[in-house]
């Protein structure tokens, strides 16, 4: 569900990137390879490189033409948020696109409009135009990382099995290992946003 949704009533209801970062609690996420969530978040935020001129021009010009705002559904207890949201924050900031975080638990009505495989996977970056109409979304993970979870779910593991939790933990370890490869996942996020923003440009 995207284009049929209007979220004008949610614009301005979130918190700023700085507020989100200041309110984060320190957590250890062993399976995801994150010893300290706050340190990892800040590391990814401050370590994000400057966008190349062509990409920044695409994001900024389409953002200005359509009055795009980015609403990110997220919490600080999800490992995918720790990896992806600092990157999303920086991309939007460098492109001049207003961005705010909607804490998932406070906006479940909106979260349930943007489920991933029927679940409340996060983060979800929602892009709306100046009228609040949803243009598109990104999330909750780069596609090649999401595929690991999709493969697990399609194998139809028995949730009642004694080994289910360990199987799920292994999936989180596998996903964490992909994030830990370096900047590849960030490159994929940028490529996926390229596709999204080129589609926005073609919006009548």
N, C-alpha and C. Protein backbone atom coordinates (compact mmCIF):
# COMPACT_ATOMS: atom_id res chain seq x y z
N UNK A 1 0.86 -1.18 0.00
CA UNK A 1 0.00 0.00 0.00
C UNK A 1 0.89 1.23 0.00
N UNK A 2 0.81 2.04 -1.08
CA UNK A 2 1.66 3.22 -1.14
C UNK A 2 0.89 4.43 -1.66
N UNK A 3 0.69 4.48 -2.99
CA UNK A 3 0.13 5.68 -3.59
C UNK A 3 -1.25 6.03 -3.06
N UNK A 4 -2.02 5.05 -2.61
CA UNK A 4 -3.38 5.32 -2.14
C UNK A 4 -3.40 5.94 -0.74
N UNK A 5 -2.25 6.03 -0.11
CA UNK A 5 -2.19 6.48 1.28
C UNK A 5 -1.78 7.95 1.36
N UNK A 6 -2.44 8.68 2.24
CA UNK A 6 -2.05 10.06 2.52
C UNK A 6 -1.67 10.16 3.99
N UNK A 7 -0.48 10.70 4.25
CA UNK A 7 0.03 10.78 5.62
C UNK A 7 0.27 12.23 6.06
N UNK A 8 -0.49 13.14 5.49
CA UNK A 8 -0.29 14.54 5.85
C UNK A 8 -0.46 14.75 7.36
N UNK A 9 -1.34 13.97 7.96
CA UNK A 9 -1.58 14.12 9.40
C UNK A 9 -0.41 13.63 10.24
N UNK A 10 0.54 12.92 9.61
CA UNK A 10 1.70 12.43 10.34
C UNK A 10 2.91 13.35 10.19
N UNK A 11 2.88 14.20 9.19
CA UNK A 11 4.01 15.10 8.97
C UNK A 11 4.14 16.05 10.16
N UNK A 12 5.32 16.09 10.74
CA UNK A 12 5.55 16.94 11.90
C UNK A 12 5.26 16.27 13.23
N UNK A 13 4.80 15.02 13.17
CA UNK A 13 4.47 14.29 14.40
C UNK A 13 5.65 13.47 14.92
N UNK A 14 6.73 13.42 14.14
CA UNK A 14 7.89 12.63 14.54
C UNK A 14 8.91 13.46 15.31
N UNK A 15 10.10 12.92 15.46
CA UNK A 15 11.19 13.62 16.13
C UNK A 15 12.35 13.78 15.14
N UNK A 16 13.23 14.71 15.43
CA UNK A 16 14.35 14.97 14.54
C UNK A 16 15.40 13.86 14.66
N UNK A 17 16.27 13.74 13.66
CA UNK A 17 17.37 12.78 13.79
C UNK A 17 18.17 12.98 15.07
N UNK A 18 18.46 14.23 15.39
CA UNK A 18 19.24 14.51 16.60
C UNK A 18 18.50 14.04 17.85
N UNK A 19 17.21 14.26 17.91
CA UNK A 19 16.43 13.81 19.07
C UNK A 19 16.42 12.29 19.15
N UNK A 20 16.29 11.62 18.00
CA UNK A 20 16.31 10.16 18.00
C UNK A 20 17.63 9.65 18.55
N UNK A 21 18.71 10.23 18.09
CA UNK A 21 20.04 9.78 18.50
C UNK A 21 20.29 10.06 19.98
N UNK A 22 19.83 11.20 20.45
CA UNK A 22 20.04 11.55 21.86
C UNK A 22 19.24 10.65 22.80
N UNK A 23 18.12 10.12 22.32
CA UNK A 23 17.25 9.31 23.17
C UNK A 23 17.58 7.81 23.12
N UNK A 24 18.52 7.43 22.28
CA UNK A 24 18.85 6.02 22.14
C UNK A 24 19.40 5.44 23.44
N UNK A 25 19.04 4.20 23.73
CA UNK A 25 19.60 3.47 24.86
C UNK A 25 20.72 2.57 24.37
N UNK A 26 21.73 2.41 25.19
CA UNK A 26 22.84 1.51 24.84
C UNK A 26 22.36 0.07 24.98
N UNK A 27 22.53 -0.70 23.93
CA UNK A 27 22.13 -2.10 23.93
C UNK A 27 23.24 -2.93 23.29
N UNK A 28 23.33 -4.18 23.70
CA UNK A 28 24.24 -5.13 23.06
C UNK A 28 23.41 -6.10 22.23
N UNK A 29 23.76 -6.28 20.97
CA UNK A 29 23.05 -7.19 20.07
C UNK A 29 24.04 -8.21 19.55
N UNK A 30 24.19 -9.28 20.31
CA UNK A 30 25.23 -10.26 20.04
C UNK A 30 25.07 -10.90 18.67
N UNK A 31 23.88 -11.38 18.36
CA UNK A 31 23.68 -12.09 17.09
C UNK A 31 23.93 -11.19 15.88
N UNK A 32 23.71 -9.90 16.05
CA UNK A 32 23.86 -8.96 14.94
C UNK A 32 25.26 -8.35 14.87
N UNK A 33 26.15 -8.76 15.79
CA UNK A 33 27.51 -8.24 15.77
C UNK A 33 27.61 -6.79 16.18
N UNK A 34 26.73 -6.36 17.10
CA UNK A 34 26.72 -4.97 17.56
C UNK A 34 26.96 -4.96 19.07
N UNK A 35 28.18 -4.68 19.52
CA UNK A 35 28.46 -4.67 20.96
C UNK A 35 27.85 -3.48 21.68
N UNK A 36 27.66 -2.35 20.96
CA UNK A 36 27.10 -1.14 21.56
C UNK A 36 26.31 -0.41 20.48
N UNK A 37 24.99 -0.40 20.63
CA UNK A 37 24.15 0.15 19.57
C UNK A 37 24.37 1.63 19.34
N UNK A 38 24.57 2.38 20.41
CA UNK A 38 24.75 3.82 20.27
C UNK A 38 26.06 4.13 19.54
N UNK A 39 27.13 3.45 19.95
CA UNK A 39 28.42 3.67 19.28
C UNK A 39 28.36 3.29 17.81
N UNK A 40 27.71 2.15 17.51
CA UNK A 40 27.63 1.71 16.11
C UNK A 40 26.80 2.70 15.30
N UNK A 41 25.70 3.18 15.86
CA UNK A 41 24.84 4.13 15.14
C UNK A 41 25.63 5.40 14.81
N UNK A 42 26.31 5.96 15.82
CA UNK A 42 27.07 7.18 15.60
C UNK A 42 28.22 6.95 14.63
N UNK A 43 28.83 5.77 14.69
CA UNK A 43 29.92 5.44 13.78
C UNK A 43 29.44 5.45 12.33
N UNK A 44 28.28 4.84 12.09
CA UNK A 44 27.74 4.81 10.73
C UNK A 44 27.25 6.19 10.30
N UNK A 45 26.74 6.95 11.23
CA UNK A 45 26.24 8.29 10.91
C UNK A 45 27.39 9.22 10.52
N UNK A 46 28.40 9.29 11.38
CA UNK A 46 29.51 10.21 11.12
C UNK A 46 30.45 9.69 10.03
N UNK A 47 30.46 8.38 9.81
CA UNK A 47 31.35 7.81 8.81
C UNK A 47 30.79 7.78 7.40
N UNK A 48 29.52 8.18 7.24
CA UNK A 48 28.91 8.13 5.91
C UNK A 48 29.55 9.18 5.00
N UNK A 49 29.88 8.75 3.81
CA UNK A 49 30.60 9.62 2.88
C UNK A 49 29.66 10.66 2.25
N UNK A 50 30.27 11.64 1.63
CA UNK A 50 29.50 12.66 0.92
C UNK A 50 28.93 12.08 -0.36
N UNK A 51 27.67 12.38 -0.64
CA UNK A 51 27.05 11.90 -1.87
C UNK A 51 27.75 12.50 -3.08
N UNK A 52 27.85 11.71 -4.16
CA UNK A 52 28.41 12.27 -5.39
C UNK A 52 27.42 13.30 -5.94
N UNK A 53 27.92 14.20 -6.77
CA UNK A 53 27.12 15.35 -7.22
C UNK A 53 25.88 14.94 -8.01
N UNK A 54 25.99 13.92 -8.87
CA UNK A 54 24.85 13.50 -9.69
C UNK A 54 23.73 12.95 -8.80
N UNK A 55 24.12 12.14 -7.85
CA UNK A 55 23.11 11.53 -6.97
C UNK A 55 22.46 12.59 -6.09
N UNK A 56 23.27 13.47 -5.53
CA UNK A 56 22.71 14.51 -4.68
C UNK A 56 21.79 15.42 -5.49
N UNK A 57 22.15 15.67 -6.73
CA UNK A 57 21.30 16.50 -7.59
C UNK A 57 19.97 15.82 -7.86
N UNK A 58 20.00 14.50 -8.11
CA UNK A 58 18.76 13.76 -8.34
C UNK A 58 17.85 13.83 -7.13
N UNK A 59 18.41 13.51 -5.97
CA UNK A 59 17.60 13.50 -4.75
C UNK A 59 17.09 14.91 -4.43
N UNK A 60 17.99 15.88 -4.49
CA UNK A 60 17.62 17.24 -4.10
C UNK A 60 16.61 17.86 -5.05
N UNK A 61 16.82 17.69 -6.37
CA UNK A 61 15.93 18.33 -7.35
C UNK A 61 14.54 17.72 -7.32
N UNK A 62 14.47 16.40 -7.23
CA UNK A 62 13.15 15.77 -7.17
C UNK A 62 12.49 16.08 -5.83
N UNK A 63 13.30 16.15 -4.77
CA UNK A 63 12.75 16.51 -3.47
C UNK A 63 12.16 17.90 -3.48
N UNK A 64 12.86 18.82 -4.12
CA UNK A 64 12.37 20.21 -4.17
C UNK A 64 11.14 20.33 -5.06
N UNK A 65 11.18 19.65 -6.20
CA UNK A 65 10.06 19.76 -7.14
C UNK A 65 8.77 19.22 -6.55
N UNK A 66 8.87 18.11 -5.82
CA UNK A 66 7.68 17.46 -5.28
C UNK A 66 7.40 17.80 -3.82
N UNK A 67 8.33 18.56 -3.21
CA UNK A 67 8.15 18.86 -1.79
C UNK A 67 8.26 17.62 -0.94
N UNK A 68 9.19 16.73 -1.29
CA UNK A 68 9.29 15.44 -0.62
C UNK A 68 9.75 15.59 0.83
N UNK A 69 9.11 14.81 1.68
CA UNK A 69 9.54 14.65 3.07
C UNK A 69 9.72 13.16 3.31
N UNK A 70 10.62 12.82 4.22
CA UNK A 70 10.89 11.41 4.54
C UNK A 70 10.48 11.13 5.99
N UNK A 71 9.59 10.19 6.17
CA UNK A 71 9.15 9.75 7.49
C UNK A 71 9.70 8.35 7.71
N UNK A 72 10.48 8.16 8.77
CA UNK A 72 11.11 6.86 9.00
C UNK A 72 10.51 6.19 10.24
N UNK A 73 9.80 5.11 10.03
CA UNK A 73 9.27 4.30 11.13
C UNK A 73 10.41 3.46 11.69
N UNK A 74 10.69 3.63 12.99
CA UNK A 74 11.84 2.92 13.56
C UNK A 74 11.80 2.96 15.08
N UNK A 75 12.65 2.13 15.68
CA UNK A 75 12.89 2.14 17.13
C UNK A 75 14.40 1.92 17.32
N UNK A 76 14.86 2.08 18.54
CA UNK A 76 16.31 1.92 18.76
C UNK A 76 16.68 0.51 19.21
N UNK A 77 15.69 -0.42 19.24
CA UNK A 77 16.00 -1.77 19.69
C UNK A 77 16.09 -2.78 18.54
N UNK A 78 16.02 -2.27 17.31
CA UNK A 78 16.08 -3.15 16.14
C UNK A 78 17.44 -3.02 15.47
N UNK A 79 18.16 -4.13 15.25
CA UNK A 79 19.49 -4.04 14.65
C UNK A 79 19.50 -3.43 13.26
N UNK A 80 18.46 -3.69 12.46
CA UNK A 80 18.42 -3.10 11.12
C UNK A 80 18.31 -1.58 11.18
N UNK A 81 17.69 -1.07 12.24
CA UNK A 81 17.64 0.37 12.43
C UNK A 81 19.04 0.91 12.70
N UNK A 82 19.80 0.20 13.53
CA UNK A 82 21.14 0.65 13.88
C UNK A 82 22.03 0.74 12.65
N UNK A 83 21.87 -0.18 11.72
CA UNK A 83 22.68 -0.17 10.50
C UNK A 83 22.16 0.84 9.46
N UNK A 84 20.85 0.87 9.26
CA UNK A 84 20.29 1.57 8.10
C UNK A 84 19.86 3.01 8.35
N UNK A 85 19.33 3.30 9.54
CA UNK A 85 18.79 4.63 9.77
C UNK A 85 19.86 5.72 9.75
N UNK A 86 21.06 5.52 10.31
CA UNK A 86 22.06 6.59 10.19
C UNK A 86 22.39 6.91 8.74
N UNK A 87 22.37 5.90 7.89
CA UNK A 87 22.61 6.11 6.46
C UNK A 87 21.47 6.91 5.84
N UNK A 88 20.24 6.54 6.17
CA UNK A 88 19.07 7.26 5.66
C UNK A 88 19.06 8.71 6.14
N UNK A 89 19.37 8.91 7.42
CA UNK A 89 19.44 10.27 7.95
C UNK A 89 20.42 11.11 7.14
N UNK A 90 21.60 10.57 6.91
CA UNK A 90 22.65 11.34 6.23
C UNK A 90 22.29 11.62 4.76
N UNK A 91 21.71 10.63 4.10
CA UNK A 91 21.32 10.84 2.70
C UNK A 91 20.31 11.97 2.60
N UNK A 92 19.31 11.94 3.47
CA UNK A 92 18.28 12.97 3.43
C UNK A 92 18.86 14.34 3.79
N UNK A 93 19.72 14.38 4.80
CA UNK A 93 20.31 15.65 5.21
C UNK A 93 21.14 16.25 4.07
N UNK A 94 21.97 15.42 3.43
CA UNK A 94 22.82 15.92 2.35
C UNK A 94 22.01 16.33 1.12
N UNK A 95 20.81 15.78 0.99
CA UNK A 95 19.96 16.09 -0.16
C UNK A 95 18.99 17.22 0.13
N UNK A 96 18.98 17.71 1.37
CA UNK A 96 18.07 18.79 1.73
C UNK A 96 16.63 18.35 1.85
N UNK A 97 16.41 17.06 2.08
CA UNK A 97 15.05 16.54 2.22
C UNK A 97 14.70 16.45 3.71
N UNK A 98 13.65 17.13 4.16
CA UNK A 98 13.26 17.05 5.56
C UNK A 98 13.01 15.60 5.96
N UNK A 99 13.54 15.22 7.13
CA UNK A 99 13.40 13.84 7.58
C UNK A 99 13.05 13.84 9.06
N UNK A 100 12.16 12.93 9.46
CA UNK A 100 11.81 12.78 10.86
C UNK A 100 11.58 11.31 11.16
N UNK A 101 11.78 10.96 12.42
CA UNK A 101 11.59 9.57 12.86
C UNK A 101 10.25 9.44 13.56
N UNK A 102 9.47 8.46 13.13
CA UNK A 102 8.22 8.11 13.80
C UNK A 102 8.49 6.86 14.63
N UNK A 103 8.48 6.98 15.95
CA UNK A 103 8.74 5.82 16.80
C UNK A 103 7.63 4.81 16.59
N UNK A 104 7.99 3.60 16.18
CA UNK A 104 7.03 2.62 15.72
C UNK A 104 5.89 2.40 16.70
N UNK A 105 6.22 2.21 17.97
CA UNK A 105 5.17 1.91 18.95
C UNK A 105 4.15 3.03 19.09
N UNK A 106 4.56 4.25 18.75
CA UNK A 106 3.67 5.40 18.85
C UNK A 106 2.86 5.62 17.57
N UNK A 107 3.19 4.86 16.53
CA UNK A 107 2.53 5.05 15.23
C UNK A 107 2.21 3.70 14.59
N UNK A 108 1.64 2.81 15.37
CA UNK A 108 1.34 1.47 14.85
C UNK A 108 0.31 1.52 13.72
N UNK A 109 -0.58 2.52 13.75
CA UNK A 109 -1.56 2.64 12.68
C UNK A 109 -0.86 2.84 11.34
N UNK A 110 0.22 3.62 11.36
CA UNK A 110 0.99 3.84 10.13
C UNK A 110 1.87 2.63 9.81
N UNK A 111 2.50 2.06 10.84
CA UNK A 111 3.34 0.89 10.64
C UNK A 111 2.57 -0.22 9.94
N UNK A 112 1.32 -0.42 10.32
CA UNK A 112 0.55 -1.52 9.77
C UNK A 112 0.11 -1.29 8.32
N UNK A 113 0.38 -0.11 7.80
CA UNK A 113 0.13 0.15 6.38
C UNK A 113 1.34 -0.24 5.53
N UNK A 114 2.48 -0.49 6.20
CA UNK A 114 3.73 -0.73 5.48
C UNK A 114 4.43 -1.97 6.01
N UNK A 115 3.70 -3.06 6.08
CA UNK A 115 4.27 -4.30 6.58
C UNK A 115 5.20 -4.92 5.55
N UNK A 116 6.13 -5.72 6.03
CA UNK A 116 7.04 -6.48 5.17
C UNK A 116 6.75 -7.95 5.38
N UNK A 117 6.29 -8.62 4.34
CA UNK A 117 5.90 -10.04 4.45
C UNK A 117 4.94 -10.26 5.60
N UNK A 118 4.05 -9.29 5.80
CA UNK A 118 3.04 -9.42 6.85
C UNK A 118 3.51 -9.06 8.24
N UNK A 119 4.77 -8.64 8.38
CA UNK A 119 5.32 -8.32 9.70
C UNK A 119 5.75 -6.88 9.82
N UNK A 120 5.90 -6.43 11.06
CA UNK A 120 6.30 -5.05 11.34
C UNK A 120 7.82 -4.91 11.30
N UNK A 121 8.40 -5.14 10.14
CA UNK A 121 9.84 -5.00 9.98
C UNK A 121 10.19 -3.52 9.87
N UNK A 122 11.31 -3.16 10.45
CA UNK A 122 11.75 -1.77 10.45
C UNK A 122 13.26 -1.71 10.23
N UNK A 123 13.74 -0.56 9.77
CA UNK A 123 13.03 0.69 9.53
C UNK A 123 12.29 0.69 8.19
N UNK A 124 11.29 1.55 8.09
CA UNK A 124 10.62 1.80 6.83
C UNK A 124 10.68 3.30 6.58
N UNK A 125 11.32 3.68 5.49
CA UNK A 125 11.39 5.09 5.08
C UNK A 125 10.27 5.35 4.09
N UNK A 126 9.37 6.25 4.45
CA UNK A 126 8.22 6.58 3.62
C UNK A 126 8.42 7.97 3.04
N UNK A 127 8.24 8.08 1.74
CA UNK A 127 8.44 9.36 1.06
C UNK A 127 7.08 9.92 0.64
N UNK A 128 6.78 11.13 1.12
CA UNK A 128 5.51 11.77 0.80
C UNK A 128 5.77 13.08 0.06
N UNK A 129 4.81 13.49 -0.75
CA UNK A 129 4.95 14.77 -1.44
C UNK A 129 4.40 15.89 -0.57
N UNK A 130 4.38 17.10 -1.10
CA UNK A 130 3.99 18.25 -0.28
C UNK A 130 2.53 18.16 0.18
N UNK A 131 1.74 17.33 -0.48
CA UNK A 131 0.36 17.15 -0.07
C UNK A 131 0.17 15.98 0.89
N UNK A 132 1.28 15.31 1.24
CA UNK A 132 1.20 14.18 2.15
C UNK A 132 0.92 12.86 1.47
N UNK A 133 0.82 12.85 0.15
CA UNK A 133 0.56 11.61 -0.58
C UNK A 133 1.82 10.75 -0.62
N UNK A 134 1.68 9.48 -0.35
CA UNK A 134 2.83 8.58 -0.34
C UNK A 134 3.28 8.29 -1.76
N UNK A 135 4.55 8.61 -2.02
CA UNK A 135 5.14 8.37 -3.33
C UNK A 135 5.78 6.98 -3.41
N UNK A 136 6.33 6.52 -2.29
CA UNK A 136 7.01 5.23 -2.26
C UNK A 136 7.63 4.99 -0.90
N UNK A 137 8.26 3.85 -0.76
CA UNK A 137 8.87 3.46 0.50
C UNK A 137 10.17 2.72 0.26
N UNK A 138 11.00 2.69 1.29
CA UNK A 138 12.20 1.85 1.27
C UNK A 138 12.26 1.14 2.62
N UNK A 139 12.72 -0.11 2.60
CA UNK A 139 12.91 -0.83 3.86
C UNK A 139 12.32 -2.22 3.80
N UNK A 140 12.62 -3.00 4.77
CA UNK A 140 13.34 -2.60 5.97
C UNK A 140 14.85 -2.85 5.85
N UNK A 141 15.25 -3.56 4.81
CA UNK A 141 16.67 -3.87 4.59
C UNK A 141 16.97 -3.76 3.09
N UNK A 142 18.26 -3.61 2.74
CA UNK A 142 18.63 -3.75 1.33
C UNK A 142 18.15 -5.11 0.83
N UNK A 143 17.74 -5.17 -0.42
CA UNK A 143 17.08 -6.37 -0.94
C UNK A 143 17.90 -7.64 -0.75
N UNK A 144 19.21 -7.57 -0.97
CA UNK A 144 20.01 -8.79 -0.88
C UNK A 144 20.12 -9.30 0.55
N UNK A 145 19.97 -8.39 1.53
CA UNK A 145 19.97 -8.81 2.93
C UNK A 145 18.58 -9.31 3.32
N UNK A 146 17.56 -8.63 2.84
CA UNK A 146 16.19 -9.08 3.10
C UNK A 146 15.97 -10.49 2.57
N UNK A 147 16.67 -10.84 1.49
CA UNK A 147 16.51 -12.16 0.88
C UNK A 147 16.86 -13.28 1.86
N UNK A 148 17.80 -13.02 2.76
CA UNK A 148 18.17 -14.02 3.76
C UNK A 148 16.98 -14.34 4.66
N UNK A 149 16.27 -13.31 5.10
CA UNK A 149 15.09 -13.52 5.93
C UNK A 149 13.96 -14.14 5.12
N UNK A 150 13.80 -13.69 3.88
CA UNK A 150 12.75 -14.26 3.03
C UNK A 150 12.97 -15.75 2.83
N UNK A 151 14.22 -16.14 2.59
CA UNK A 151 14.52 -17.55 2.39
C UNK A 151 14.20 -18.36 3.64
N UNK A 152 14.48 -17.79 4.80
CA UNK A 152 14.17 -18.47 6.06
C UNK A 152 12.66 -18.67 6.20
N UNK A 153 11.91 -17.62 5.90
CA UNK A 153 10.45 -17.71 6.06
C UNK A 153 9.82 -18.66 5.05
N UNK A 154 10.35 -18.69 3.83
CA UNK A 154 9.76 -19.57 2.83
C UNK A 154 10.10 -21.03 3.08
N UNK A 155 11.10 -21.29 3.90
CA UNK A 155 11.40 -22.68 4.26
C UNK A 155 10.40 -23.22 5.25
N UNK A 156 9.49 -22.35 5.69
CA UNK A 156 8.40 -22.71 6.59
C UNK A 156 8.87 -23.45 7.84
N UNK A 157 9.78 -22.84 8.60
CA UNK A 157 10.24 -23.50 9.83
C UNK A 157 9.10 -23.61 10.83
N UNK A 158 9.12 -24.65 11.59
CA UNK A 158 8.09 -24.90 12.60
C UNK A 158 8.38 -24.05 13.83
N UNK A 159 7.52 -23.07 14.08
CA UNK A 159 7.73 -22.17 15.22
C UNK A 159 7.70 -22.91 16.55
N UNK A 160 7.08 -24.06 16.57
CA UNK A 160 6.98 -24.83 17.81
C UNK A 160 8.18 -25.75 18.02
N UNK A 161 9.02 -25.83 17.01
CA UNK A 161 10.18 -26.70 17.11
C UNK A 161 11.16 -26.17 18.15
N UNK A 162 11.78 -27.09 18.93
CA UNK A 162 12.78 -26.66 19.92
C UNK A 162 13.96 -25.94 19.28
N UNK A 163 14.20 -26.19 18.00
CA UNK A 163 15.35 -25.59 17.33
C UNK A 163 15.00 -24.28 16.62
N UNK A 164 13.72 -23.87 16.69
CA UNK A 164 13.29 -22.69 15.93
C UNK A 164 14.08 -21.44 16.32
N UNK A 165 14.20 -21.19 17.62
CA UNK A 165 14.86 -19.97 18.06
C UNK A 165 16.33 -19.95 17.64
N UNK A 166 16.98 -21.10 17.70
CA UNK A 166 18.38 -21.15 17.27
C UNK A 166 18.49 -20.93 15.76
N UNK A 167 17.52 -21.48 15.01
CA UNK A 167 17.52 -21.24 13.57
C UNK A 167 17.36 -19.75 13.27
N UNK A 168 16.46 -19.09 14.00
CA UNK A 168 16.24 -17.66 13.81
C UNK A 168 17.47 -16.86 14.22
N UNK A 169 18.09 -17.26 15.31
CA UNK A 169 19.33 -16.58 15.74
C UNK A 169 20.41 -16.68 14.68
N UNK A 170 20.48 -17.84 14.00
CA UNK A 170 21.46 -18.02 12.94
C UNK A 170 21.17 -17.08 11.78
N UNK A 171 19.90 -16.89 11.48
CA UNK A 171 19.52 -15.94 10.43
C UNK A 171 20.01 -14.54 10.79
N UNK A 172 19.80 -14.15 12.05
CA UNK A 172 20.26 -12.82 12.49
C UNK A 172 21.79 -12.72 12.42
N UNK A 173 22.47 -13.83 12.72
CA UNK A 173 23.93 -13.81 12.61
C UNK A 173 24.35 -13.67 11.15
N UNK A 174 23.65 -14.36 10.26
CA UNK A 174 23.97 -14.27 8.83
C UNK A 174 23.73 -12.85 8.30
N UNK A 175 22.62 -12.25 8.74
CA UNK A 175 22.30 -10.89 8.32
C UNK A 175 23.34 -9.92 8.88
N UNK A 176 23.69 -10.11 10.15
CA UNK A 176 24.71 -9.25 10.76
C UNK A 176 26.03 -9.33 10.03
N UNK A 177 26.40 -10.54 9.58
CA UNK A 177 27.64 -10.73 8.85
C UNK A 177 27.64 -9.95 7.54
N UNK A 178 26.49 -9.86 6.88
CA UNK A 178 26.40 -9.10 5.63
C UNK A 178 26.59 -7.60 5.89
N UNK A 179 25.98 -7.11 6.94
CA UNK A 179 26.18 -5.69 7.29
C UNK A 179 27.64 -5.41 7.63
N UNK A 180 28.28 -6.37 8.29
CA UNK A 180 29.66 -6.18 8.73
C UNK A 180 30.68 -6.24 7.60
N UNK A 181 30.22 -6.57 6.39
CA UNK A 181 31.14 -6.64 5.25
C UNK A 181 31.73 -5.27 4.90
N UNK A 182 31.11 -4.21 5.38
CA UNK A 182 31.64 -2.88 5.08
C UNK A 182 30.57 -1.97 4.51
N UNK A 183 30.93 -1.26 3.43
CA UNK A 183 30.01 -0.27 2.87
C UNK A 183 29.12 -0.83 1.78
N UNK A 184 29.22 -2.13 1.50
CA UNK A 184 28.43 -2.68 0.39
C UNK A 184 26.94 -2.41 0.60
N UNK A 185 26.46 -2.63 1.82
CA UNK A 185 25.02 -2.47 2.04
C UNK A 185 24.59 -1.02 1.84
N UNK A 186 25.50 -0.07 2.15
CA UNK A 186 25.19 1.33 1.94
C UNK A 186 25.11 1.65 0.45
N UNK A 187 26.01 1.05 -0.33
CA UNK A 187 25.96 1.23 -1.78
C UNK A 187 24.63 0.73 -2.34
N UNK A 188 24.15 -0.39 -1.81
CA UNK A 188 22.89 -0.95 -2.30
C UNK A 188 21.72 -0.06 -1.91
N UNK A 189 21.75 0.48 -0.70
CA UNK A 189 20.69 1.42 -0.30
C UNK A 189 20.64 2.59 -1.29
N UNK A 190 21.80 3.13 -1.61
CA UNK A 190 21.85 4.25 -2.55
C UNK A 190 21.31 3.85 -3.93
N UNK A 191 21.67 2.66 -4.38
CA UNK A 191 21.18 2.19 -5.68
C UNK A 191 19.67 2.02 -5.66
N UNK A 192 19.15 1.51 -4.57
CA UNK A 192 17.70 1.30 -4.47
C UNK A 192 16.96 2.63 -4.37
N UNK A 193 17.56 3.60 -3.70
CA UNK A 193 16.95 4.93 -3.65
C UNK A 193 17.04 5.63 -5.00
N UNK A 194 18.10 5.36 -5.75
CA UNK A 194 18.19 5.89 -7.12
C UNK A 194 16.97 5.47 -7.93
N UNK A 195 16.66 4.20 -7.88
CA UNK A 195 15.51 3.67 -8.62
C UNK A 195 14.22 4.35 -8.18
N UNK A 196 14.09 4.48 -6.86
CA UNK A 196 12.88 5.09 -6.29
C UNK A 196 12.75 6.54 -6.73
N UNK A 197 13.83 7.31 -6.64
CA UNK A 197 13.75 8.73 -6.96
C UNK A 197 13.61 8.98 -8.46
N UNK A 198 14.17 8.10 -9.28
CA UNK A 198 13.93 8.23 -10.71
C UNK A 198 12.45 8.02 -11.01
N UNK A 199 11.82 7.15 -10.25
CA UNK A 199 10.38 6.95 -10.43
C UNK A 199 9.61 8.18 -9.97
N UNK A 200 10.09 8.80 -8.89
CA UNK A 200 9.43 10.03 -8.43
C UNK A 200 9.48 11.12 -9.51
N UNK A 201 10.63 11.23 -10.17
CA UNK A 201 10.82 12.25 -11.20
C UNK A 201 9.80 12.08 -12.33
N UNK A 202 9.43 10.83 -12.59
CA UNK A 202 8.50 10.54 -13.67
C UNK A 202 7.05 10.71 -13.24
N UNK A 203 6.83 11.07 -11.96
CA UNK A 203 5.47 11.27 -11.47
C UNK A 203 4.84 12.47 -12.18
N UNK A 204 3.65 12.31 -12.72
CA UNK A 204 3.01 13.41 -13.44
C UNK A 204 2.84 14.63 -12.54
